Amino acid sequence: MNGIYYIAGIDLGTSRCCTAVNRKNGISTVPLDNSGERLLPSYVAYDEERVKCGKLVIERMRHFSKSTVFDSKRIIGRNINEIEIDLFWPFNLCRENNKQLIETDGSNGKRKITAEEVASHLLKHVKQKTEEFQGKKLTKVVITVPAAFNEAQKSATMEAAQLAGWDEIELLPEPVAAAFAYFNDRSIPDNSNVLLFDLGGGTLDVRH
């Protein structure tokens, strides 16, 4: 079997995540929760020892908001003075030992974690669901990132993927991924001018 079947493509979004794999009958998105939903809200909860991700976290936020972290993509790889603090965040930001930390309520009191760890929990969840869907272990992944991400943000995203158990990791700018998706199943006449918008939950990228 061609090695391409062992690769996953992940849109690690600010508000939602999505993943796709290349199967014998073409590219298919992966159900990321038990209801078959293909879009996973980028929410992570730490109120129990077992970390939870996605729609379930949103449904339980009324009772466990202070144990919930979201918007980690706005924080990852950035210093505290570069982050626009959202007054509606149920968690706090702090800096210890030259590390940017997120402080939230955990199962055993206050818990301090990095944005990389939060992203890794999302990526680990996606990895598990994708492996279940494919019926095999996956080690290679392509993750989309905003075109405006700097080297620190890219490096932090790579670290998150490694923490999640991915061995071979490639990063792809989001507008390039949008272009690939657009041209995947259609032919474009020569000398055409196409303007592609990647309108995400946290960034707007444009490719001409």
C-alpha atoms as a PDB file:
ATOM      1  CA  MET A   1       0.000   0.000   0.000  1.00  0.00           C
ATOM      2  CA  ASN A   2       1.281   3.459  -0.889  1.00  0.00           C
ATOM      3  CA  GLY A   3       2.776   5.313   2.073  1.00  0.00           C
ATOM      4  CA  ILE A   4       0.463   8.267   1.511  1.00  0.00           C
ATOM      5  CA  TYR A   5      -2.249   6.383   3.405  1.00  0.00           C
ATOM      6  CA  TYR A   6      -0.196   6.736   6.552  1.00  0.00           C
ATOM      7  CA  ILE A   7      -0.249  10.550   6.449  1.00  0.00           C
ATOM      8  CA  ALA A   8      -2.817  12.842   8.070  1.00  0.00           C
ATOM      9  CA  GLY A   9      -3.466  16.492   7.296  1.00  0.00           C
ATOM     10  CA  ILE A  10      -4.642  18.589  10.243  1.00  0.00           C
ATOM     11  CA  ASP A  11      -6.152  22.052  10.359  1.00  0.00           C
ATOM     12  CA  LEU A  12      -5.305  23.019  13.935  1.00  0.00           C
ATOM     13  CA  GLY A  13      -7.750  25.898  14.091  1.00  0.00           C
ATOM     14  CA  THR A  14      -8.235  28.636  16.648  1.00  0.00           C
ATOM     15  CA  SER A  15     -11.887  27.730  17.116  1.00  0.00           C
ATOM     16  CA  ARG A  16     -12.135  24.247  15.555  1.00  0.00           C
ATOM     17  CA  CYS A  17      -9.905  21.448  14.284  1.00  0.00           C
ATOM     18  CA  CYS A  18     -10.380  19.238  11.257  1.00  0.00           C
ATOM     19  CA  THR A  19      -8.325  16.399   9.801  1.00  0.00           C
ATOM     20  CA  ALA A  20      -8.288  14.510   6.521  1.00  0.00           C
ATOM     21  CA  VAL A  21      -6.615  11.421   5.114  1.00  0.00           C
ATOM     22  CA  ASN A  22      -6.107  10.092   1.599  1.00  0.00           C
ATOM     23  CA  ARG A  23      -7.997   6.824   1.179  1.00  0.00           C
ATOM     24  CA  LYS A  24      -8.461   4.519  -1.787  1.00  0.00           C
ATOM     25  CA  ASN A  25     -11.661   6.325  -2.783  1.00  0.00           C
ATOM     26  CA  GLY A  26     -10.167   9.812  -2.356  1.00  0.00           C
ATOM     27  CA  ILE A  27      -9.581  12.347   0.377  1.00  0.00           C
ATOM     28  CA  SER A  28     -11.882  11.980   3.376  1.00  0.00           C
ATOM     29  CA  THR A  29     -12.359  14.015   6.520  1.00  0.00           C
ATOM     30  CA  VAL A  30     -12.280  12.126   9.800  1.00  0.00           C
ATOM     31  CA  PRO A  31     -15.063  11.936  12.433  1.00  0.00           C
ATOM     32  CA  LEU A  32     -13.510  13.407  15.571  1.00  0.00           C
ATOM     33  CA  ASP A  33     -16.093  12.539  18.191  1.00  0.00           C
ATOM     34  CA  ASN A  34     -18.505   9.713  18.932  1.00  0.00           C
ATOM     35  CA  SER A  35     -21.382  11.437  17.112  1.00  0.00           C
ATOM     36  CA  GLY A  36     -19.478  11.493  13.812  1.00  0.00           C
ATOM     37  CA  GLU A  37     -18.825  15.239  13.854  1.00  0.00           C
ATOM     38  CA  ARG A  38     -15.939  16.199  11.547  1.00  0.00           C
ATOM     39  CA  LEU A  39     -15.173  19.518  13.250  1.00  0.00           C
ATOM     40  CA  LEU A  40     -13.670  19.394  16.728  1.00  0.00           C
ATOM     41  CA  PRO A  41     -14.044  22.562  18.836  1.00  0.00           C
ATOM     42  CA  SER A  42     -10.563  23.585  20.038  1.00  0.00           C
ATOM     43  CA  TYR A  43     -11.543  23.385  23.711  1.00  0.00           C
ATOM     44  CA  VAL A  44      -9.687  21.363  26.345  1.00  0.00           C
ATOM     45  CA  ALA A  45     -10.857  20.602  29.909  1.00  0.00           C
ATOM     46  CA  TYR A  46      -8.685  19.693  32.898  1.00  0.00           C
ATOM     47  CA  ASP A  47     -11.305  19.125  35.605  1.00  0.00           C
ATOM     48  CA  GLU A  48     -10.575  15.381  35.632  1.00  0.00           C
ATOM     49  CA  GLU A  49      -7.361  13.393  35.481  1.00  0.00           C
ATOM     50  CA  ARG A  50      -8.292  12.323  31.946  1.00  0.00           C
ATOM     51  CA  VAL A  51      -8.098  15.370  29.697  1.00  0.00           C
ATOM     52  CA  LYS A  52     -11.161  15.979  27.523  1.00  0.00           C
ATOM     53  CA  CYS A  53     -11.434  17.778  24.173  1.00  0.00           C
ATOM     54  CA  GLY A  54     -14.095  19.148  21.871  1.00  0.00           C
ATOM     55  CA  LYS A  55     -17.875  19.479  22.000  1.00  0.00           C
ATOM     56  CA  LEU A  56     -18.162  17.683  25.332  1.00  0.00           C
ATOM     57  CA  VAL A  57     -16.050  20.414  26.938  1.00  0.00           C
ATOM     58  CA  ILE A  58     -18.341  23.151  25.600  1.00  0.00           C
ATOM     59  CA  GLU A  59     -21.427  21.325  26.876  1.00  0.00           C
ATOM     60  CA  ARG A  60     -19.891  21.156  30.382  1.00  0.00           C
ATOM     61  CA  MET A  61     -18.560  24.716  30.514  1.00  0.00           C
ATOM     62  CA  ARG A  62     -21.453  25.955  32.636  1.00  0.00           C
ATOM     63  CA  HIS A  63     -20.095  23.908  35.523  1.00  0.00           C
ATOM     64  CA  PHE A  64     -16.390  23.624  34.642  1.00  0.00           C
ATOM     65  CA  SER A  65     -15.492  26.892  32.905  1.00  0.00           C
ATOM     66  CA  LYS A  66     -12.517  27.524  35.187  1.00  0.00           C
ATOM     67  CA  SER A  67     -11.027  24.193  34.118  1.00  0.00           C
ATOM     68  CA  THR A  68     -11.433  24.948  30.401  1.00  0.00           C
ATOM     69  CA  VAL A  69      -8.801  26.313  28.020  1.00  0.00           C
ATOM     70  CA  PHE A  70      -9.408  27.563  24.489  1.00  0.00           C
ATOM     71  CA  ASP A  71      -7.749  30.030  22.086  1.00  0.00           C
ATOM     72  CA  SER A  72      -4.394  28.318  22.681  1.00  0.00           C
ATOM     73  CA  LYS A  73      -3.471  29.147  19.088  1.00  0.00           C
ATOM     74  CA  ARG A  74      -3.566  32.844  20.025  1.00  0.00           C
ATOM     75  CA  ILE A  75      -1.022  32.170  22.786  1.00  0.00           C
ATOM     76  CA  ILE A  76       1.304  29.481  21.425  1.00  0.00           C
ATOM     77  CA  GLY A  77       4.868  30.629  20.778  1.00  0.00           C
ATOM     78  CA  ARG A  78       4.218  34.197  21.955  1.00  0.00           C
ATOM     79  CA  ASN A  79       5.408  36.270  24.907  1.00  0.00           C
ATOM     80  CA  ILE A  80       2.836  37.700  27.295  1.00  0.00           C
ATOM     81  CA  ASN A  81       3.423  41.249  26.028  1.00  0.00           C
ATOM     82  CA  GLU A  82       2.524  40.070  22.493  1.00  0.00           C
ATOM     83  CA  ILE A  83      -0.805  38.548  23.506  1.00  0.00           C
ATOM     84  CA  GLU A  84      -4.079  40.430  23.406  1.00  0.00           C
ATOM     85  CA  ILE A  85      -5.760  39.313  26.620  1.00  0.00           C
ATOM     86  CA  ASP A  86      -9.423  38.386  26.220  1.00  0.00           C
ATOM     87  CA  LEU A  87     -11.426  39.441  29.268  1.00  0.00           C
ATOM     88  CA  PHE A  88     -13.731  36.457  28.750  1.00  0.00           C
ATOM     89  CA  TRP A  89     -10.968  33.878  29.118  1.00  0.00           C
ATOM     90  CA  PRO A  90     -11.744  31.705  32.189  1.00  0.00           C
ATOM     91  CA  PHE A  91      -8.005  31.084  32.664  1.00  0.00           C
ATOM     92  CA  ASN A  92      -5.067  33.323  33.536  1.00  0.00           C
ATOM     93  CA  LEU A  93      -1.658  33.840  31.943  1.00  0.00           C
ATOM     94  CA  CYS A  94       1.562  33.992  33.921  1.00  0.00           C
ATOM     95  CA  ARG A  95       5.279  33.608  33.332  1.00  0.00           C
ATOM     96  CA  GLU A  96       7.584  31.356  35.340  1.00  0.00           C
ATOM     97  CA  ASN A  97      11.176  30.281  34.656  1.00  0.00           C
ATOM     98  CA  ASN A  98      11.100  32.167  31.367  1.00  0.00           C
ATOM     99  CA  LYS A  99       8.052  30.183  30.212  1.00  0.00           C
ATOM    100  CA  GLN A 100       4.635  31.503  29.238  1.00  0.00           C
ATOM    101  CA  LEU A 101       2.034  29.521  31.219  1.00  0.00           C
ATOM    102  CA  ILE A 102      -1.724  29.139  31.304  1.00  0.00           C
ATOM    103  CA  GLU A 103      -3.172  28.820  34.803  1.00  0.00           C
ATOM    104  CA  THR A 104      -6.430  26.923  35.149  1.00  0.00           C
ATOM    105  CA  ASP A 105      -8.253  24.753  37.653  1.00  0.00           C
ATOM    106  CA  GLY A 106      -7.135  21.121  37.452  1.00  0.00           C
ATOM    107  CA  SER A 107      -8.397  17.902  38.986  1.00  0.00           C
ATOM    108  CA  ASN A 108      -6.054  18.421  41.977  1.00  0.00           C
ATOM    109  CA  GLY A 109      -6.020  22.183  42.399  1.00  0.00           C
ATOM    110  CA  LYS A 110      -4.446  24.855  40.226  1.00  0.00           C
ATOM    111  CA  ARG A 111      -2.685  23.623  37.112  1.00  0.00           C
ATOM    112  CA  LYS A 112      -0.112  25.526  35.071  1.00  0.00           C
ATOM    113  CA  ILE A 113       0.457  24.386  31.517  1.00  0.00           C
ATOM    114  CA  THR A 114       1.951  25.757  28.334  1.00  0.00           C
ATOM    115  CA  ALA A 115      -0.031  26.525  25.192  1.00  0.00           C
ATOM    116  CA  GLU A 116       2.060  23.819  23.526  1.00  0.00           C
ATOM    117  CA  GLU A 117       0.675  21.260  25.986  1.00  0.00           C
ATOM    118  CA  VAL A 118      -2.899  22.403  25.334  1.00  0.00           C
ATOM    119  CA  ALA A 119      -2.374  22.109  21.569  1.00  0.00           C
ATOM    120  CA  SER A 120      -0.750  18.712  22.063  1.00  0.00           C
ATOM    121  CA  HIS A 121      -3.870  17.426  23.811  1.00  0.00           C
ATOM    122  CA  LEU A 122      -5.956  18.487  20.806  1.00  0.00           C
ATOM    123  CA  LEU A 123      -3.474  16.907  18.410  1.00  0.00           C
ATOM    124  CA  LYS A 124      -3.316  13.716  20.456  1.00  0.00           C
ATOM    125  CA  HIS A 125      -7.113  13.437  20.402  1.00  0.00           C
ATOM    126  CA  VAL A 126      -7.128  13.978  16.639  1.00  0.00           C
ATOM    127  CA  LYS A 127      -4.361  11.398  16.208  1.00  0.00           C
ATOM    128  CA  GLN A 128      -6.282   8.780  18.170  1.00  0.00           C
ATOM    129  CA  LYS A 129      -9.503   9.336  16.211  1.00  0.00           C
ATOM    130  CA  THR A 130      -7.667   9.342  12.888  1.00  0.00           C
ATOM    131  CA  GLU A 131      -5.901   6.069  13.721  1.00  0.00           C
ATOM    132  CA  GLU A 132      -9.259   4.526  14.634  1.00  0.00           C
ATOM    133  CA  PHE A 133     -10.669   5.737  11.320  1.00  0.00           C
ATOM    134  CA  GLN A 134      -7.719   4.411   9.301  1.00  0.00           C
ATOM    135  CA  GLY A 135      -7.281   1.241  11.325  1.00  0.00           C
ATOM    136  CA  LYS A 136      -3.523   1.714  11.632  1.00  0.00           C
ATOM    137  CA  LYS A 137      -0.923   3.692  13.558  1.00  0.00           C
ATOM    138  CA  LEU A 138      -0.022   7.048  12.041  1.00  0.00           C
ATOM    139  CA  THR A 139       3.340   8.769  12.450  1.00  0.00           C
ATOM    140  CA  LYS A 140       3.396  11.423   9.696  1.00  0.00           C
ATOM    141  CA  VAL A 141       1.368  14.615   9.704  1.00  0.00           C
ATOM    142  CA  VAL A 142       0.993  17.903   7.862  1.00  0.00           C
ATOM    143  CA  ILE A 143      -0.341  20.723  10.046  1.00  0.00           C
ATOM    144  CA  THR A 144      -1.573  24.027   8.668  1.00  0.00           C
ATOM    145  CA  VAL A 145      -0.461  27.271  10.324  1.00  0.00           C
ATOM    146  CA  PRO A 146      -1.296  30.937   9.613  1.00  0.00           C
ATOM    147  CA  ALA A 147       0.908  32.600   7.013  1.00  0.00           C
ATOM    148  CA  ALA A 148       1.754  35.233   9.629  1.00  0.00           C
ATOM    149  CA  PHE A 149       3.150  32.733  12.150  1.00  0.00           C
ATOM    150  CA  ASN A 150       6.738  33.602  13.084  1.00  0.00           C
ATOM    151  CA  GLU A 151       9.500  31.069  13.714  1.00  0.00           C
ATOM    152  CA  ALA A 152       8.750  30.881  17.451  1.00  0.00           C
ATOM    153  CA  GLN A 153       5.092  30.073  16.775  1.00  0.00           C
ATOM    154  CA  LYS A 154       6.008  27.472  14.156  1.00  0.00           C
ATOM    155  CA  SER A 155       8.548  25.894  16.499  1.00  0.00           C
ATOM    156  CA  ALA A 156       5.976  25.776  19.310  1.00  0.00           C
ATOM    157  CA  THR A 157       3.463  24.091  16.995  1.00  0.00           C
ATOM    158  CA  MET A 158       6.084  21.507  16.059  1.00  0.00           C
ATOM    159  CA  GLU A 159       6.741  20.890  19.763  1.00  0.00           C
ATOM    160  CA  ALA A 160       3.011  20.372  20.372  1.00  0.00           C
ATOM    161  CA  ALA A 161       2.857  17.807  17.565  1.00  0.00           C
ATOM    162  CA  GLN A 162       5.863  15.958  18.964  1.00  0.00           C
ATOM    163  CA  LEU A 163       4.268  15.896  22.430  1.00  0.00           C
ATOM    164  CA  ALA A 164       1.154  14.392  20.799  1.00  0.00           C
ATOM    165  CA  GLY A 165       3.189  11.496  19.396  1.00  0.00           C
ATOM    166  CA  TRP A 166       3.735  12.522  15.779  1.00  0.00           C
ATOM    167  CA  ASP A 167       7.191  11.561  14.489  1.00  0.00           C
ATOM    168  CA  GLU A 168       7.421  13.270  11.091  1.00  0.00           C
ATOM    169  CA  ILE A 169       5.868  16.733  10.996  1.00  0.00           C
ATOM    170  CA  GLU A 170       5.496  19.260   8.200  1.00  0.00           C
ATOM    171  CA  LEU A 171       3.934  22.705   8.514  1.00  0.00           C
ATOM    172  CA  LEU A 172       1.950  24.196   5.644  1.00  0.00           C
ATOM    173  CA  PRO A 173       0.747  27.834   5.422  1.00  0.00           C
ATOM    174  CA  GLU A 174      -3.039  27.949   5.600  1.00  0.00           C
ATOM    175  CA  PRO A 175      -3.591  29.877   2.338  1.00  0.00           C
ATOM    176  CA  VAL A 176      -1.426  27.324   0.502  1.00  0.00           C
ATOM    177  CA  ALA A 177      -3.553  24.531   1.987  1.00  0.00           C
ATOM    178  CA  ALA A 178      -6.681  26.392   0.822  1.00  0.00           C
ATOM    179  CA  ALA A 179      -5.209  26.593  -2.684  1.00  0.00           C
ATOM    180  CA  PHE A 180      -4.464  22.852  -2.686  1.00  0.00           C
ATOM    181  CA  ALA A 181      -8.026  22.130  -1.578  1.00  0.00           C
ATOM    182  CA  TYR A 182      -9.511  24.427  -4.226  1.00  0.00           C
ATOM    183  CA  PHE A 183      -7.543  22.917  -7.108  1.00  0.00           C
ATOM    184  CA  ASN A 184      -7.816  19.328  -5.885  1.00  0.00           C
ATOM    185  CA  ASP A 185     -10.947  18.384  -7.837  1.00  0.00           C
ATOM    186  CA  ARG A 186     -11.247  21.010 -10.557  1.00  0.00           C
ATOM    187  CA  SER A 187      -9.307  22.194 -13.582  1.00  0.00           C
ATOM    188  CA  ILE A 188      -8.470  25.867 -13.953  1.00  0.00           C
ATOM    189  CA  PRO A 189      -7.993  27.442 -17.404  1.00  0.00           C
ATOM    190  CA  ASP A 190      -4.526  28.762 -18.201  1.00  0.00           C
ATOM    191  CA  ASN A 191      -3.791  32.370 -17.216  1.00  0.00           C
ATOM    192  CA  SER A 192      -6.677  32.419 -14.735  1.00  0.00           C
ATOM    193  CA  ASN A 193      -6.624  34.821 -11.793  1.00  0.00           C
ATOM    194  CA  VAL A 194      -7.929  33.263  -8.595  1.00  0.00           C
ATOM    195  CA  LEU A 195      -8.117  34.985  -5.203  1.00  0.00           C
ATOM    196  CA  LEU A 196      -8.419  32.533  -2.289  1.00  0.00           C
ATOM    197  CA  PHE A 197      -9.495  33.502   1.229  1.00  0.00           C
ATOM    198  CA  ASP A 198      -8.801  31.306   4.233  1.00  0.00           C
ATOM    199  CA  LEU A 199     -11.282  32.850   6.659  1.00  0.00           C
ATOM    200  CA  GLY A 200     -10.454  31.188   9.968  1.00  0.00           C
ATOM    201  CA  GLY A 201     -11.597  31.661  13.528  1.00  0.00           C
ATOM    202  CA  GLY A 202      -8.500  33.672  14.413  1.00  0.00           C
ATOM    203  CA  THR A 203      -6.833  34.802  11.186  1.00  0.00           C
ATOM    204  CA  LEU A 204      -7.707  35.792   7.629  1.00  0.00           C
ATOM    205  CA  ASP A 205      -5.123  34.710   5.044  1.00  0.00           C
ATOM    206  CA  VAL A 206      -5.278  35.581   1.357  1.00  0.00           C
ATOM    207  CA  ARG A 207      -3.484  33.945  -1.564  1.00  0.00           C
ATOM    208  CA  HIS A 208      -3.502  35.186  -5.170  1.00  0.00           C
END
